[in-house]
N, C-alpha and C. Protein backbone atom coordinates (compact mmCIF):
# COMPACT_ATOMS: atom_id res chain seq x y z
N MET A 1 -18.13 -17.67 1.12
CA MET A 1 -16.96 -16.90 0.65
C MET A 1 -15.87 -17.93 0.32
N THR A 2 -15.40 -17.93 -0.99
CA THR A 2 -14.38 -18.84 -1.36
C THR A 2 -13.00 -18.49 -0.95
N SER A 3 -12.06 -19.41 -1.12
CA SER A 3 -10.69 -19.09 -0.75
C SER A 3 -10.03 -17.98 -1.65
N LYS A 4 -10.58 -17.95 -2.87
CA LYS A 4 -10.15 -16.93 -3.86
C LYS A 4 -10.47 -15.52 -3.25
N TYR A 5 -11.70 -15.31 -2.74
CA TYR A 5 -12.00 -14.04 -2.16
C TYR A 5 -11.33 -13.78 -0.92
N LYS A 6 -10.99 -14.83 -0.14
CA LYS A 6 -10.17 -14.55 1.07
C LYS A 6 -8.79 -14.07 0.64
N GLU A 7 -8.17 -14.65 -0.35
CA GLU A 7 -6.90 -14.14 -0.77
C GLU A 7 -6.94 -12.75 -1.36
N LEU A 8 -8.01 -12.39 -2.00
CA LEU A 8 -8.19 -11.04 -2.57
C LEU A 8 -8.38 -10.05 -1.39
N ARG A 9 -9.10 -10.50 -0.41
CA ARG A 9 -9.25 -9.59 0.78
C ARG A 9 -7.91 -9.43 1.48
N ARG A 10 -7.15 -10.50 1.58
CA ARG A 10 -5.83 -10.33 2.24
C ARG A 10 -4.99 -9.38 1.42
N LEU A 11 -5.05 -9.50 0.14
CA LEU A 11 -4.30 -8.62 -0.75
C LEU A 11 -4.72 -7.18 -0.57
N LEU A 12 -6.06 -6.96 -0.49
CA LEU A 12 -6.57 -5.60 -0.23
C LEU A 12 -6.08 -5.04 1.10
N ARG A 13 -6.13 -5.86 2.12
CA ARG A 13 -5.66 -5.28 3.42
C ARG A 13 -4.23 -4.96 3.40
N TRP A 14 -3.42 -5.93 2.89
CA TRP A 14 -1.95 -5.74 2.93
C TRP A 14 -1.53 -4.63 1.93
N GLY A 15 -2.15 -4.57 0.83
CA GLY A 15 -1.84 -3.48 -0.18
C GLY A 15 -2.13 -2.17 0.37
N THR A 16 -3.32 -2.03 1.05
CA THR A 16 -3.64 -0.81 1.67
C THR A 16 -2.71 -0.39 2.79
N GLY A 17 -2.35 -1.40 3.66
CA GLY A 17 -1.43 -1.21 4.68
C GLY A 17 -0.10 -0.78 4.33
N ILE A 18 0.49 -1.42 3.34
CA ILE A 18 1.82 -0.99 2.85
C ILE A 18 1.76 0.35 2.13
N THR A 19 0.81 0.65 1.35
CA THR A 19 0.64 1.97 0.71
C THR A 19 0.58 3.06 1.79
N THR A 20 -0.24 2.75 2.86
CA THR A 20 -0.41 3.70 3.94
C THR A 20 0.92 4.02 4.59
N VAL A 21 1.56 3.00 4.98
CA VAL A 21 2.86 3.17 5.78
C VAL A 21 3.85 4.03 4.93
N LEU A 22 3.99 3.63 3.64
CA LEU A 22 4.96 4.43 2.77
C LEU A 22 4.53 5.76 2.61
N TYR A 23 3.29 5.97 2.26
CA TYR A 23 2.81 7.34 2.02
C TYR A 23 2.83 8.23 3.21
N ALA A 24 2.30 7.71 4.33
CA ALA A 24 2.29 8.48 5.55
C ALA A 24 3.72 8.76 6.08
N LEU A 25 4.58 7.86 6.02
CA LEU A 25 5.95 8.11 6.52
C LEU A 25 6.70 9.17 5.64
N VAL A 26 6.56 9.08 4.40
CA VAL A 26 7.16 10.01 3.53
C VAL A 26 6.58 11.47 3.70
N PHE A 27 5.27 11.50 3.75
CA PHE A 27 4.54 12.73 3.99
C PHE A 27 4.93 13.40 5.32
N PHE A 28 4.90 12.66 6.36
CA PHE A 28 5.26 13.17 7.68
C PHE A 28 6.75 13.58 7.78
N ALA A 29 7.55 12.80 7.11
CA ALA A 29 9.03 13.11 7.05
C ALA A 29 9.23 14.47 6.30
N LYS A 30 8.49 14.65 5.20
CA LYS A 30 8.63 15.96 4.47
C LYS A 30 8.06 17.12 5.33
N ILE A 31 6.94 16.86 6.01
CA ILE A 31 6.42 17.90 6.82
C ILE A 31 7.32 18.36 8.03
N THR A 32 7.94 17.28 8.58
CA THR A 32 8.92 17.53 9.67
C THR A 32 10.09 18.25 9.16
N TRP A 33 10.65 17.85 8.05
CA TRP A 33 11.79 18.52 7.50
C TRP A 33 11.47 19.93 7.10
N SER A 34 10.31 20.19 6.54
CA SER A 34 9.89 21.58 6.21
C SER A 34 9.75 22.41 7.54
N TYR A 35 9.13 21.78 8.51
CA TYR A 35 8.99 22.54 9.78
C TYR A 35 10.30 22.95 10.31
N LEU A 36 11.33 22.02 10.29
CA LEU A 36 12.58 22.39 10.85
C LEU A 36 13.33 23.48 10.00
N GLU A 37 13.12 23.38 8.71
CA GLU A 37 13.72 24.44 7.85
C GLU A 37 13.08 25.81 8.06
N TRP A 38 11.72 25.79 8.11
CA TRP A 38 10.97 26.99 8.40
C TRP A 38 11.23 27.55 9.78
N ARG A 39 11.35 26.71 10.68
CA ARG A 39 11.66 27.19 12.05
C ARG A 39 13.04 27.79 12.20
N ALA A 40 13.99 27.23 11.45
CA ALA A 40 15.36 27.76 11.44
C ALA A 40 15.35 29.16 10.80
N ALA A 41 14.44 29.37 9.87
CA ALA A 41 14.38 30.69 9.19
C ALA A 41 13.38 31.64 9.92
N ARG A 42 12.88 31.19 11.07
CA ARG A 42 12.00 31.95 11.96
C ARG A 42 10.63 32.30 11.20
N LEU A 43 10.12 31.32 10.45
CA LEU A 43 8.88 31.44 9.76
C LEU A 43 7.85 30.48 10.39
N ASP A 44 6.59 30.68 10.08
CA ASP A 44 5.54 29.88 10.65
C ASP A 44 5.09 28.83 9.53
N ILE A 45 4.88 27.57 9.96
CA ILE A 45 4.50 26.50 9.05
C ILE A 45 3.06 26.03 9.27
N ASP A 46 2.39 26.53 10.28
CA ASP A 46 1.05 26.00 10.70
C ASP A 46 0.07 25.99 9.50
N TRP A 47 0.12 26.81 8.59
CA TRP A 47 -0.80 26.90 7.52
C TRP A 47 -0.62 25.83 6.46
N THR A 48 0.49 25.12 6.40
CA THR A 48 0.70 24.27 5.34
C THR A 48 0.04 22.88 5.48
N VAL A 49 -0.17 22.37 6.64
CA VAL A 49 -0.78 21.10 6.90
C VAL A 49 -2.30 21.06 6.60
N PRO A 50 -3.09 21.98 7.05
CA PRO A 50 -4.61 21.77 6.78
C PRO A 50 -4.89 22.05 5.27
N THR A 51 -4.09 22.90 4.59
CA THR A 51 -4.37 23.20 3.15
C THR A 51 -3.68 22.30 2.20
N ASN A 52 -2.91 21.35 2.68
CA ASN A 52 -2.13 20.47 1.87
C ASN A 52 -3.02 19.23 1.50
N PRO A 53 -3.35 19.00 0.28
CA PRO A 53 -4.10 17.79 -0.09
C PRO A 53 -3.37 16.48 0.33
N GLN A 54 -2.07 16.49 0.37
CA GLN A 54 -1.30 15.28 0.82
C GLN A 54 -1.71 14.81 2.24
N SER A 55 -2.03 15.87 3.13
CA SER A 55 -2.38 15.51 4.47
C SER A 55 -3.72 14.74 4.51
N MET A 56 -4.66 15.20 3.62
CA MET A 56 -5.94 14.54 3.58
C MET A 56 -5.81 13.15 2.93
N ILE A 57 -4.95 13.06 1.94
CA ILE A 57 -4.70 11.77 1.28
C ILE A 57 -4.13 10.79 2.27
N ALA A 58 -3.12 11.22 3.04
CA ALA A 58 -2.56 10.37 4.05
C ALA A 58 -3.50 9.91 5.06
N LEU A 59 -4.35 10.86 5.56
CA LEU A 59 -5.42 10.58 6.56
C LEU A 59 -6.42 9.56 6.02
N CYS A 60 -6.80 9.70 4.79
CA CYS A 60 -7.76 8.72 4.14
C CYS A 60 -7.12 7.35 4.07
N PHE A 61 -5.85 7.29 3.70
CA PHE A 61 -5.16 6.00 3.62
C PHE A 61 -5.09 5.31 4.97
N VAL A 62 -4.80 6.13 6.03
CA VAL A 62 -4.71 5.59 7.38
C VAL A 62 -6.09 5.08 7.85
N THR A 63 -7.10 5.91 7.58
CA THR A 63 -8.45 5.46 7.97
C THR A 63 -8.87 4.25 7.27
N ALA A 64 -8.61 4.13 5.96
CA ALA A 64 -9.01 3.01 5.20
C ALA A 64 -8.29 1.74 5.74
N THR A 65 -6.99 1.84 6.00
CA THR A 65 -6.25 0.70 6.58
C THR A 65 -6.91 0.23 7.90
N LEU A 66 -7.18 1.19 8.80
CA LEU A 66 -7.76 0.83 10.02
C LEU A 66 -9.14 0.11 9.85
N ALA A 67 -9.95 0.70 8.97
CA ALA A 67 -11.24 0.14 8.66
C ALA A 67 -11.09 -1.34 8.17
N LEU A 68 -10.21 -1.53 7.19
CA LEU A 68 -10.07 -2.84 6.69
C LEU A 68 -9.56 -3.93 7.62
N TRP A 69 -8.58 -3.45 8.52
CA TRP A 69 -7.94 -4.41 9.41
C TRP A 69 -8.86 -4.70 10.65
N PHE A 70 -9.66 -3.68 11.08
CA PHE A 70 -10.37 -3.83 12.30
C PHE A 70 -11.83 -4.07 12.14
N LEU A 71 -12.42 -3.49 11.10
CA LEU A 71 -13.85 -3.63 10.88
C LEU A 71 -14.25 -4.71 9.86
N ARG A 72 -13.23 -5.25 9.16
CA ARG A 72 -13.37 -6.37 8.25
C ARG A 72 -14.48 -6.03 7.18
N ASP A 73 -15.55 -6.77 7.20
CA ASP A 73 -16.59 -6.65 6.16
C ASP A 73 -17.16 -5.31 6.04
N LYS A 74 -17.53 -4.66 7.23
CA LYS A 74 -18.10 -3.43 7.27
C LYS A 74 -17.08 -2.33 6.86
N GLY A 75 -15.83 -2.66 7.12
CA GLY A 75 -14.81 -1.67 6.76
C GLY A 75 -14.52 -1.62 5.32
N GLU A 76 -14.91 -2.59 4.52
CA GLU A 76 -14.78 -2.58 3.11
C GLU A 76 -15.60 -1.48 2.48
N THR A 77 -16.77 -1.23 2.99
CA THR A 77 -17.64 -0.13 2.48
C THR A 77 -17.00 1.22 2.81
N LEU A 78 -16.56 1.39 4.00
CA LEU A 78 -15.87 2.60 4.43
C LEU A 78 -14.67 2.85 3.56
N ALA A 79 -13.80 1.81 3.37
CA ALA A 79 -12.65 1.89 2.62
C ALA A 79 -12.91 2.25 1.10
N LEU A 80 -14.02 1.73 0.58
CA LEU A 80 -14.42 2.13 -0.77
C LEU A 80 -14.67 3.64 -0.87
N VAL A 81 -15.36 4.19 0.16
CA VAL A 81 -15.61 5.57 0.20
C VAL A 81 -14.28 6.40 0.31
N LEU A 82 -13.40 5.88 1.16
CA LEU A 82 -12.11 6.57 1.43
C LEU A 82 -11.22 6.52 0.16
N PHE A 83 -11.16 5.42 -0.49
CA PHE A 83 -10.39 5.36 -1.78
C PHE A 83 -10.95 6.34 -2.79
N SER A 84 -12.30 6.49 -2.84
CA SER A 84 -12.81 7.49 -3.73
C SER A 84 -12.49 8.92 -3.31
N VAL A 85 -12.41 9.20 -2.03
CA VAL A 85 -11.97 10.44 -1.54
C VAL A 85 -10.57 10.77 -1.89
N VAL A 86 -9.71 9.71 -1.83
CA VAL A 86 -8.29 9.88 -2.19
C VAL A 86 -8.21 10.34 -3.64
N VAL A 87 -8.95 9.63 -4.50
CA VAL A 87 -8.93 10.03 -5.92
C VAL A 87 -9.47 11.42 -6.13
N PHE A 88 -10.51 11.80 -5.34
CA PHE A 88 -11.07 13.13 -5.39
C PHE A 88 -9.95 14.16 -5.02
N PHE A 89 -9.21 13.88 -3.87
CA PHE A 89 -8.24 14.84 -3.45
C PHE A 89 -7.13 15.08 -4.49
N PHE A 90 -6.80 14.00 -5.18
CA PHE A 90 -5.83 14.13 -6.27
C PHE A 90 -6.34 15.09 -7.38
N GLY A 91 -7.64 14.92 -7.70
CA GLY A 91 -8.25 15.88 -8.64
C GLY A 91 -8.30 17.29 -8.10
N TYR A 92 -8.60 17.45 -6.85
CA TYR A 92 -8.69 18.74 -6.25
C TYR A 92 -7.19 19.41 -6.21
N TRP A 93 -6.23 18.55 -5.91
CA TRP A 93 -4.78 18.99 -5.96
C TRP A 93 -4.47 19.49 -7.32
N ALA A 94 -4.84 18.78 -8.41
CA ALA A 94 -4.57 19.16 -9.79
C ALA A 94 -5.29 20.51 -10.10
N TYR A 95 -6.46 20.66 -9.52
CA TYR A 95 -7.21 21.90 -9.73
C TYR A 95 -6.48 23.09 -9.09
N LEU A 96 -6.03 22.85 -7.88
CA LEU A 96 -5.29 23.88 -7.12
C LEU A 96 -4.03 24.29 -7.86
N THR A 97 -3.31 23.24 -8.42
CA THR A 97 -2.10 23.49 -9.15
C THR A 97 -2.38 24.25 -10.39
N ARG A 98 -3.47 23.96 -11.08
CA ARG A 98 -3.87 24.66 -12.33
C ARG A 98 -4.13 26.22 -11.91
N GLY A 99 -4.82 26.42 -10.80
CA GLY A 99 -5.06 27.73 -10.33
C GLY A 99 -3.84 28.53 -10.06
N ILE A 100 -2.80 27.93 -9.50
CA ILE A 100 -1.55 28.50 -9.23
C ILE A 100 -0.90 28.93 -10.50
N LYS A 101 -0.92 28.00 -11.50
CA LYS A 101 -0.22 28.31 -12.73
C LYS A 101 -1.01 29.44 -13.50
N ILE A 102 -2.32 29.47 -13.36
CA ILE A 102 -3.05 30.58 -14.04
C ILE A 102 -2.65 31.91 -13.30
N ASN A 103 -2.59 31.92 -12.01
CA ASN A 103 -2.23 33.13 -11.26
C ASN A 103 -0.84 33.59 -11.55
N MET A 104 0.06 32.63 -11.77
CA MET A 104 1.40 33.01 -12.15
C MET A 104 1.52 33.34 -13.63
N ASN A 105 0.49 33.11 -14.42
CA ASN A 105 0.48 33.34 -15.81
C ASN A 105 1.57 32.60 -16.51
N VAL A 106 1.66 31.28 -16.21
CA VAL A 106 2.60 30.39 -16.89
C VAL A 106 1.94 29.08 -17.28
N ALA A 107 2.40 28.50 -18.33
CA ALA A 107 1.94 27.23 -18.80
C ALA A 107 2.52 26.05 -17.91
N THR A 108 3.66 26.17 -17.53
CA THR A 108 4.41 25.21 -16.65
C THR A 108 5.13 25.93 -15.43
N ILE A 109 5.21 25.25 -14.45
CA ILE A 109 5.93 25.86 -13.29
C ILE A 109 7.42 25.69 -13.51
N PRO A 110 8.20 26.77 -13.48
CA PRO A 110 9.60 26.72 -13.74
C PRO A 110 10.33 25.74 -12.81
N GLN A 111 11.21 25.03 -13.32
CA GLN A 111 12.14 24.10 -12.64
C GLN A 111 11.31 22.98 -11.87
N ALA A 112 10.20 22.70 -12.39
CA ALA A 112 9.35 21.68 -11.73
C ALA A 112 9.33 20.44 -12.72
N SER A 113 9.16 19.20 -12.12
CA SER A 113 9.09 18.05 -12.99
C SER A 113 7.71 17.96 -13.60
N TRP A 114 7.52 17.02 -14.44
CA TRP A 114 6.12 16.93 -15.08
C TRP A 114 5.10 16.54 -14.09
N ILE A 115 5.49 15.78 -13.05
CA ILE A 115 4.52 15.44 -12.04
C ILE A 115 4.19 16.62 -11.18
N SER A 116 5.14 17.44 -10.86
CA SER A 116 4.94 18.69 -10.08
C SER A 116 4.21 19.76 -10.87
N ASN A 117 4.15 19.65 -12.20
CA ASN A 117 3.30 20.50 -13.02
C ASN A 117 1.92 20.08 -13.03
N ILE A 118 1.60 18.89 -12.67
CA ILE A 118 0.18 18.40 -12.49
C ILE A 118 -0.31 18.60 -11.05
N TRP A 119 0.54 18.19 -10.07
CA TRP A 119 0.26 18.32 -8.63
C TRP A 119 1.46 19.02 -8.10
N ILE A 120 1.40 20.19 -7.78
CA ILE A 120 2.54 20.98 -7.25
C ILE A 120 3.01 20.33 -5.95
N GLY A 121 4.36 20.19 -5.90
CA GLY A 121 5.12 19.55 -4.86
C GLY A 121 4.99 18.05 -4.82
N ALA A 122 4.40 17.43 -5.82
CA ALA A 122 4.27 15.94 -5.94
C ALA A 122 5.61 15.30 -6.31
N THR A 123 5.74 14.05 -5.97
CA THR A 123 6.84 13.15 -6.35
C THR A 123 6.30 11.91 -7.00
N TRP A 124 7.20 11.05 -7.34
CA TRP A 124 6.84 9.79 -7.95
C TRP A 124 5.99 8.95 -6.90
N LEU A 125 6.23 9.17 -5.63
CA LEU A 125 5.40 8.38 -4.64
C LEU A 125 3.93 8.84 -4.67
N ASP A 126 3.69 10.08 -4.94
CA ASP A 126 2.34 10.54 -5.03
C ASP A 126 1.61 9.86 -6.28
N LEU A 127 2.31 9.86 -7.37
CA LEU A 127 1.78 9.26 -8.54
C LEU A 127 1.55 7.73 -8.29
N SER A 128 2.44 7.08 -7.60
CA SER A 128 2.27 5.71 -7.32
C SER A 128 1.08 5.53 -6.34
N ALA A 129 0.94 6.43 -5.37
CA ALA A 129 -0.24 6.30 -4.46
C ALA A 129 -1.56 6.48 -5.23
N LEU A 130 -1.59 7.31 -6.23
CA LEU A 130 -2.82 7.45 -7.00
C LEU A 130 -3.10 6.21 -7.84
N ILE A 131 -2.11 5.60 -8.44
CA ILE A 131 -2.29 4.46 -9.20
C ILE A 131 -2.73 3.36 -8.26
N LEU A 132 -2.14 3.18 -7.08
CA LEU A 132 -2.55 2.17 -6.09
C LEU A 132 -3.97 2.49 -5.52
N ALA A 133 -4.30 3.76 -5.38
CA ALA A 133 -5.65 4.05 -4.96
C ALA A 133 -6.73 3.58 -5.90
N PHE A 134 -6.37 3.84 -7.20
CA PHE A 134 -7.35 3.26 -8.23
C PHE A 134 -7.42 1.74 -8.29
N ALA A 135 -6.29 1.09 -8.11
CA ALA A 135 -6.28 -0.34 -8.04
C ALA A 135 -6.98 -0.92 -6.82
N LEU A 136 -6.72 -0.26 -5.69
CA LEU A 136 -7.42 -0.74 -4.40
C LEU A 136 -8.92 -0.38 -4.48
N LEU A 137 -9.27 0.70 -5.09
CA LEU A 137 -10.70 1.02 -5.33
C LEU A 137 -11.37 0.04 -6.18
N GLY A 138 -10.68 -0.35 -7.25
CA GLY A 138 -11.34 -1.35 -8.19
C GLY A 138 -11.41 -2.74 -7.48
N LEU A 139 -10.36 -3.10 -6.75
CA LEU A 139 -10.41 -4.42 -6.07
C LEU A 139 -11.47 -4.41 -5.01
N ASN A 140 -11.57 -3.35 -4.27
CA ASN A 140 -12.67 -3.34 -3.17
C ASN A 140 -14.01 -3.30 -3.79
N LEU A 141 -14.26 -2.54 -4.86
CA LEU A 141 -15.56 -2.53 -5.54
C LEU A 141 -15.88 -3.99 -6.06
N TYR A 142 -14.87 -4.66 -6.63
CA TYR A 142 -15.11 -6.05 -7.11
C TYR A 142 -15.53 -6.96 -6.01
N LEU A 143 -14.79 -6.88 -4.88
CA LEU A 143 -15.17 -7.75 -3.72
C LEU A 143 -16.55 -7.42 -3.19
N LEU A 144 -16.96 -6.16 -3.08
CA LEU A 144 -18.18 -5.75 -2.57
C LEU A 144 -19.32 -6.24 -3.56
N VAL A 145 -19.17 -6.11 -4.87
CA VAL A 145 -20.17 -6.56 -5.77
C VAL A 145 -20.30 -8.08 -5.78
N LYS A 146 -19.17 -8.82 -5.67
CA LYS A 146 -19.27 -10.29 -5.62
C LYS A 146 -19.96 -10.70 -4.28
N ASP A 147 -19.62 -10.01 -3.14
CA ASP A 147 -20.35 -10.36 -1.95
C ASP A 147 -21.82 -10.10 -2.04
N ARG A 148 -22.21 -9.03 -2.69
CA ARG A 148 -23.58 -8.71 -2.84
C ARG A 148 -24.30 -9.67 -3.69
N LYS A 149 -23.71 -10.05 -4.76
CA LYS A 149 -24.31 -11.09 -5.67
C LYS A 149 -24.42 -12.45 -4.88
N GLU A 150 -23.42 -12.85 -4.16
CA GLU A 150 -23.42 -14.05 -3.39
C GLU A 150 -24.53 -14.03 -2.35
N SER A 151 -24.66 -12.92 -1.65
CA SER A 151 -25.70 -12.83 -0.63
C SER A 151 -27.10 -12.82 -1.17
N ILE A 152 -27.29 -12.23 -2.39
CA ILE A 152 -28.58 -12.29 -3.01
C ILE A 152 -28.99 -13.74 -3.48
N GLY A 153 -27.94 -14.41 -4.04
CA GLY A 153 -28.13 -15.77 -4.47
C GLY A 153 -28.47 -16.66 -3.27
N THR A 154 -27.77 -16.47 -2.18
CA THR A 154 -28.05 -17.34 -0.96
C THR A 154 -29.31 -17.02 -0.40
N ARG A 155 -29.72 -15.86 -0.39
CA ARG A 155 -31.07 -15.40 0.17
C ARG A 155 -32.14 -15.98 -0.67
N GLY A 156 -31.98 -15.94 -2.01
CA GLY A 156 -32.98 -16.51 -2.92
C GLY A 156 -33.11 -18.01 -2.77
N ALA A 157 -31.99 -18.69 -2.59
CA ALA A 157 -32.00 -20.17 -2.44
C ALA A 157 -32.66 -20.57 -1.15
N LYS A 158 -32.47 -19.81 -0.11
CA LYS A 158 -33.12 -20.12 1.19
C LYS A 158 -34.60 -19.91 1.10
N LEU A 159 -35.05 -18.89 0.38
CA LEU A 159 -36.48 -18.69 0.25
C LEU A 159 -37.17 -19.79 -0.58
N ARG A 160 -36.51 -20.18 -1.64
CA ARG A 160 -37.07 -21.32 -2.53
C ARG A 160 -37.18 -22.59 -1.75
N THR A 161 -36.22 -22.95 -0.96
CA THR A 161 -36.18 -24.27 -0.26
C THR A 161 -37.09 -24.25 0.97
N SER A 162 -37.39 -23.04 1.53
CA SER A 162 -38.25 -23.03 2.65
C SER A 162 -39.72 -23.22 2.41
N HIS A 163 -40.05 -22.98 1.17
CA HIS A 163 -41.53 -23.15 0.72
C HIS A 163 -41.63 -24.29 -0.31
N PRO A 164 -42.23 -25.43 -0.03
CA PRO A 164 -42.33 -26.56 -0.96
C PRO A 164 -43.29 -26.27 -2.07
């Protein structure tokens, strides 16, 4: 493993960690604020967390961060799967938003930004998280492919030198 790959792995770990901290903090702050508002109005909020794609996106980011920091090489494979799941959940969220617009019989949600018309309730942070998820997915895939090619080359070289 060259120092170039070590730097890229460090970038992957830190990029994932910073993305996770920002996304999770904002998500849980919004959930807490909503809970306090709903509780003041004597309404129940229990149904919003399990059905909210943001909760699964935050959970995937947290799990990917833990995998990269604690499992190292094996964690890269798990992180690759989790980044793919994050991208899937953004697609699922867009599908849910489309269904809401169809049920409301509107082309756009009134008084919503262009981001919220794609993913209902989304902000610029969600769009940034999607872009970073794609970038981290690509970087992770690149590192895994390079490691695989390197290990195949090393294995082949060992076989050739062991038999004269």
